[in-house]
Amino acid sequence: MLTARKKANVIKTVARHTTDTGSAGVQVAILTERIEELTKHLKKNRKDFHSRRGLLQMVADRRSHLSYLERNDKRNYDAVVKKLGLKK
C-alpha cells in the first residue's frame, strides 16, 4: 500500500514545481510505485487473480500516460523515463 509519505516522496522526485500533483509525469511515477508494490505482493500470492487484474489495469493506464507524454512533451517524457528507470 502506498502511504502518504511514500507518495509525497515520489511526487517530489518528478514534480515540475511545488504544487504539481497531477501532471502526467507525476501520475506515471505514482503508478510505477504502486505497480512495484503490487508485483511484490503477487510474487508471494500467486493465486490472487483479482489483484493481478488491477495490476494489468495500472500497467495499461501508465502506458497511456507515457504515450501522451511522448506525444506532447518529449523532454519531460525522456526525463521521467530516466528518473524512474523504465525501459520504454
N, C-alpha and C. Protein backbone atom coordinates (compact mmCIF):
# COMPACT_ATOMS: atom_id res chain seq x y z
N MET A 1 0.84 -1.18 0.00
CA MET A 1 0.00 0.00 0.00
C MET A 1 0.88 1.24 0.00
N LEU A 2 0.52 2.20 -0.79
CA LEU A 2 1.28 3.43 -0.93
C LEU A 2 0.86 4.42 0.16
N THR A 3 1.75 4.65 1.11
CA THR A 3 1.43 5.58 2.19
C THR A 3 1.58 7.01 1.72
N ALA A 4 1.05 7.93 2.50
CA ALA A 4 1.10 9.35 2.14
C ALA A 4 2.54 9.84 2.07
N ARG A 5 3.38 9.36 2.96
CA ARG A 5 4.78 9.78 2.97
C ARG A 5 5.51 9.29 1.73
N LYS A 6 5.30 8.01 1.36
CA LYS A 6 5.93 7.48 0.16
C LYS A 6 5.45 8.23 -1.08
N LYS A 7 4.15 8.50 -1.11
CA LYS A 7 3.57 9.19 -2.25
C LYS A 7 4.15 10.59 -2.39
N ALA A 8 4.33 11.29 -1.26
CA ALA A 8 4.91 12.64 -1.29
C ALA A 8 6.35 12.59 -1.80
N ASN A 9 7.11 11.57 -1.40
CA ASN A 9 8.48 11.43 -1.88
C ASN A 9 8.53 11.15 -3.38
N VAL A 10 7.62 10.31 -3.85
CA VAL A 10 7.56 10.01 -5.28
C VAL A 10 7.21 11.26 -6.07
N ILE A 11 6.23 12.01 -5.58
CA ILE A 11 5.82 13.24 -6.26
C ILE A 11 6.97 14.24 -6.30
N LYS A 12 7.70 14.33 -5.20
CA LYS A 12 8.80 15.29 -5.10
C LYS A 12 9.90 15.00 -6.13
N THR A 13 10.13 13.73 -6.45
CA THR A 13 11.20 13.39 -7.38
C THR A 13 10.88 13.77 -8.82
N VAL A 14 9.58 13.81 -9.17
CA VAL A 14 9.21 14.01 -10.57
C VAL A 14 8.51 15.34 -10.83
N ALA A 15 7.99 15.98 -9.79
CA ALA A 15 7.18 17.19 -9.95
C ALA A 15 7.98 18.31 -10.63
N ARG A 16 7.28 19.07 -11.45
CA ARG A 16 7.91 20.18 -12.16
C ARG A 16 7.99 21.43 -11.29
N HIS A 17 7.04 21.60 -10.37
CA HIS A 17 7.04 22.73 -9.44
C HIS A 17 6.42 22.26 -8.13
N THR A 18 6.36 23.11 -7.15
CA THR A 18 5.97 22.69 -5.80
C THR A 18 4.53 22.22 -5.69
N THR A 19 3.64 22.76 -6.49
CA THR A 19 2.23 22.37 -6.38
C THR A 19 1.81 21.37 -7.45
N ASP A 20 2.76 20.77 -8.14
CA ASP A 20 2.46 19.81 -9.20
C ASP A 20 2.14 18.45 -8.58
N THR A 21 0.86 18.08 -8.60
CA THR A 21 0.47 16.79 -8.04
C THR A 21 -0.31 15.93 -9.02
N GLY A 22 -0.64 16.45 -10.19
CA GLY A 22 -1.48 15.68 -11.09
C GLY A 22 -1.03 15.64 -12.54
N SER A 23 0.16 16.13 -12.83
CA SER A 23 0.61 16.10 -14.22
C SER A 23 0.86 14.65 -14.64
N ALA A 24 0.99 14.45 -15.93
CA ALA A 24 1.16 13.09 -16.45
C ALA A 24 2.42 12.43 -15.90
N GLY A 25 3.49 13.20 -15.75
CA GLY A 25 4.73 12.64 -15.22
C GLY A 25 4.57 12.17 -13.78
N VAL A 26 3.87 12.95 -12.98
CA VAL A 26 3.63 12.58 -11.58
C VAL A 26 2.74 11.35 -11.51
N GLN A 27 1.73 11.29 -12.36
CA GLN A 27 0.85 10.13 -12.37
C GLN A 27 1.59 8.87 -12.77
N VAL A 28 2.51 8.99 -13.73
CA VAL A 28 3.31 7.84 -14.14
C VAL A 28 4.18 7.37 -12.97
N ALA A 29 4.77 8.30 -12.24
CA ALA A 29 5.62 7.94 -11.11
C ALA A 29 4.82 7.24 -10.01
N ILE A 30 3.64 7.74 -9.70
CA ILE A 30 2.80 7.11 -8.68
C ILE A 30 2.36 5.72 -9.13
N LEU A 31 1.95 5.60 -10.38
CA LEU A 31 1.55 4.29 -10.90
C LEU A 31 2.72 3.31 -10.87
N THR A 32 3.91 3.78 -11.18
CA THR A 32 5.08 2.92 -11.17
C THR A 32 5.34 2.39 -9.76
N GLU A 33 5.22 3.24 -8.77
CA GLU A 33 5.43 2.81 -7.38
C GLU A 33 4.37 1.78 -6.97
N ARG A 34 3.12 2.03 -7.33
CA ARG A 34 2.05 1.08 -7.00
C ARG A 34 2.24 -0.24 -7.72
N ILE A 35 2.70 -0.20 -8.97
CA ILE A 35 2.94 -1.41 -9.75
C ILE A 35 4.04 -2.24 -9.09
N GLU A 36 5.11 -1.58 -8.65
CA GLU A 36 6.20 -2.30 -8.00
C GLU A 36 5.73 -2.99 -6.72
N GLU A 37 4.92 -2.29 -5.92
CA GLU A 37 4.43 -2.88 -4.68
C GLU A 37 3.49 -4.05 -4.96
N LEU A 38 2.62 -3.90 -5.94
CA LEU A 38 1.69 -4.98 -6.25
C LEU A 38 2.40 -6.18 -6.86
N THR A 39 3.47 -5.93 -7.59
CA THR A 39 4.26 -7.03 -8.14
C THR A 39 4.88 -7.86 -7.03
N LYS A 40 5.40 -7.19 -6.00
CA LYS A 40 5.94 -7.91 -4.84
C LYS A 40 4.86 -8.76 -4.18
N HIS A 41 3.67 -8.19 -4.04
CA HIS A 41 2.55 -8.91 -3.43
C HIS A 41 2.20 -10.15 -4.25
N LEU A 42 2.18 -10.02 -5.57
CA LEU A 42 1.78 -11.13 -6.42
C LEU A 42 2.85 -12.22 -6.49
N LYS A 43 4.09 -11.88 -6.21
CA LYS A 43 5.11 -12.92 -6.14
C LYS A 43 4.88 -13.83 -4.95
N LYS A 44 4.36 -13.27 -3.87
CA LYS A 44 4.07 -14.07 -2.68
C LYS A 44 2.73 -14.78 -2.80
N ASN A 45 1.75 -14.13 -3.42
CA ASN A 45 0.38 -14.64 -3.51
C ASN A 45 0.03 -14.90 -4.98
N ARG A 46 0.49 -16.01 -5.48
CA ARG A 46 0.35 -16.30 -6.91
C ARG A 46 -1.09 -16.47 -7.38
N LYS A 47 -1.98 -16.86 -6.50
CA LYS A 47 -3.35 -17.13 -6.92
C LYS A 47 -4.29 -15.94 -6.74
N ASP A 48 -3.77 -14.78 -6.44
CA ASP A 48 -4.58 -13.59 -6.24
C ASP A 48 -4.90 -12.95 -7.58
N PHE A 49 -5.92 -13.48 -8.24
CA PHE A 49 -6.22 -13.05 -9.60
C PHE A 49 -6.93 -11.69 -9.64
N HIS A 50 -7.60 -11.32 -8.58
CA HIS A 50 -8.25 -10.01 -8.54
C HIS A 50 -7.20 -8.90 -8.52
N SER A 51 -6.16 -9.09 -7.74
CA SER A 51 -5.09 -8.10 -7.71
C SER A 51 -4.32 -8.08 -9.02
N ARG A 52 -4.19 -9.25 -9.64
CA ARG A 52 -3.49 -9.32 -10.93
C ARG A 52 -4.24 -8.49 -11.97
N ARG A 53 -5.57 -8.54 -11.93
CA ARG A 53 -6.37 -7.75 -12.87
C ARG A 53 -6.14 -6.26 -12.63
N GLY A 54 -6.09 -5.86 -11.36
CA GLY A 54 -5.80 -4.47 -11.04
C GLY A 54 -4.43 -4.05 -11.52
N LEU A 55 -3.46 -4.96 -11.39
CA LEU A 55 -2.11 -4.67 -11.86
C LEU A 55 -2.10 -4.42 -13.37
N LEU A 56 -2.80 -5.26 -14.10
CA LEU A 56 -2.85 -5.09 -15.55
C LEU A 56 -3.52 -3.77 -15.94
N GLN A 57 -4.52 -3.37 -15.19
CA GLN A 57 -5.16 -2.08 -15.45
C GLN A 57 -4.21 -0.92 -15.18
N MET A 58 -3.42 -1.03 -14.10
CA MET A 58 -2.46 0.03 -13.78
C MET A 58 -1.38 0.12 -14.85
N VAL A 59 -0.91 -1.02 -15.33
CA VAL A 59 0.12 -1.03 -16.37
C VAL A 59 -0.42 -0.37 -17.64
N ALA A 60 -1.65 -0.68 -18.01
CA ALA A 60 -2.25 -0.08 -19.20
C ALA A 60 -2.43 1.42 -19.01
N ASP A 61 -2.83 1.84 -17.82
CA ASP A 61 -3.01 3.26 -17.54
C ASP A 61 -1.67 4.00 -17.62
N ARG A 62 -0.63 3.40 -17.05
CA ARG A 62 0.70 4.02 -17.11
C ARG A 62 1.18 4.12 -18.54
N ARG A 63 0.89 3.09 -19.32
CA ARG A 63 1.31 3.10 -20.72
C ARG A 63 0.63 4.22 -21.50
N SER A 64 -0.66 4.44 -21.22
CA SER A 64 -1.36 5.52 -21.93
C SER A 64 -0.85 6.88 -21.49
N HIS A 65 -0.53 7.05 -20.20
CA HIS A 65 0.05 8.31 -19.74
C HIS A 65 1.41 8.55 -20.39
N LEU A 66 2.21 7.49 -20.51
CA LEU A 66 3.52 7.63 -21.14
C LEU A 66 3.40 7.99 -22.62
N SER A 67 2.45 7.39 -23.31
CA SER A 67 2.30 7.72 -24.73
C SER A 67 1.82 9.15 -24.90
N TYR A 68 0.96 9.62 -23.98
CA TYR A 68 0.53 11.02 -24.01
C TYR A 68 1.73 11.94 -23.81
N LEU A 69 2.56 11.62 -22.82
CA LEU A 69 3.74 12.44 -22.57
C LEU A 69 4.67 12.45 -23.77
N GLU A 70 4.85 11.30 -24.38
CA GLU A 70 5.76 11.21 -25.53
C GLU A 70 5.26 12.05 -26.70
N ARG A 71 3.95 12.06 -26.90
CA ARG A 71 3.37 12.86 -27.99
C ARG A 71 3.48 14.35 -27.73
N ASN A 72 3.22 14.79 -26.50
CA ASN A 72 3.05 16.21 -26.22
C ASN A 72 4.26 16.90 -25.59
N ASP A 73 5.10 16.17 -24.88
CA ASP A 73 6.22 16.80 -24.20
C ASP A 73 7.39 15.82 -24.15
N LYS A 74 8.12 15.74 -25.25
CA LYS A 74 9.19 14.74 -25.39
C LYS A 74 10.28 14.91 -24.34
N ARG A 75 10.63 16.15 -24.00
CA ARG A 75 11.69 16.36 -22.99
C ARG A 75 11.28 15.83 -21.63
N ASN A 76 10.07 16.14 -21.23
CA ASN A 76 9.56 15.67 -19.94
C ASN A 76 9.44 14.14 -19.96
N TYR A 77 9.02 13.58 -21.08
CA TYR A 77 8.93 12.12 -21.23
C TYR A 77 10.29 11.48 -20.99
N ASP A 78 11.32 12.00 -21.67
CA ASP A 78 12.66 11.45 -21.51
C ASP A 78 13.14 11.56 -20.06
N ALA A 79 12.85 12.70 -19.42
CA ALA A 79 13.27 12.90 -18.04
C ALA A 79 12.58 11.93 -17.09
N VAL A 80 11.28 11.74 -17.28
CA VAL A 80 10.51 10.84 -16.41
C VAL A 80 10.97 9.40 -16.58
N VAL A 81 11.17 8.97 -17.81
CA VAL A 81 11.61 7.59 -18.07
C VAL A 81 12.99 7.37 -17.46
N LYS A 82 13.86 8.35 -17.56
CA LYS A 82 15.20 8.22 -17.00
C LYS A 82 15.16 8.18 -15.46
N LYS A 83 14.37 9.07 -14.85
CA LYS A 83 14.28 9.10 -13.38
C LYS A 83 13.70 7.82 -12.81
N LEU A 84 12.71 7.26 -13.50
CA LEU A 84 12.02 6.08 -12.97
C LEU A 84 12.69 4.78 -13.41
N GLY A 85 13.58 4.86 -14.36
CA GLY A 85 14.28 3.66 -14.81
C GLY A 85 13.40 2.73 -15.62
N LEU A 86 12.51 3.30 -16.41
CA LEU A 86 11.63 2.49 -17.25
C LEU A 86 12.35 2.13 -18.54
N LYS A 87 11.95 1.05 -19.16
CA LYS A 87 12.64 0.56 -20.35
C LYS A 87 12.23 1.25 -21.63
N LYS A 88 11.04 1.82 -21.65
CA LYS A 88 10.50 2.34 -22.89
C LYS A 88 11.32 3.37 -23.53
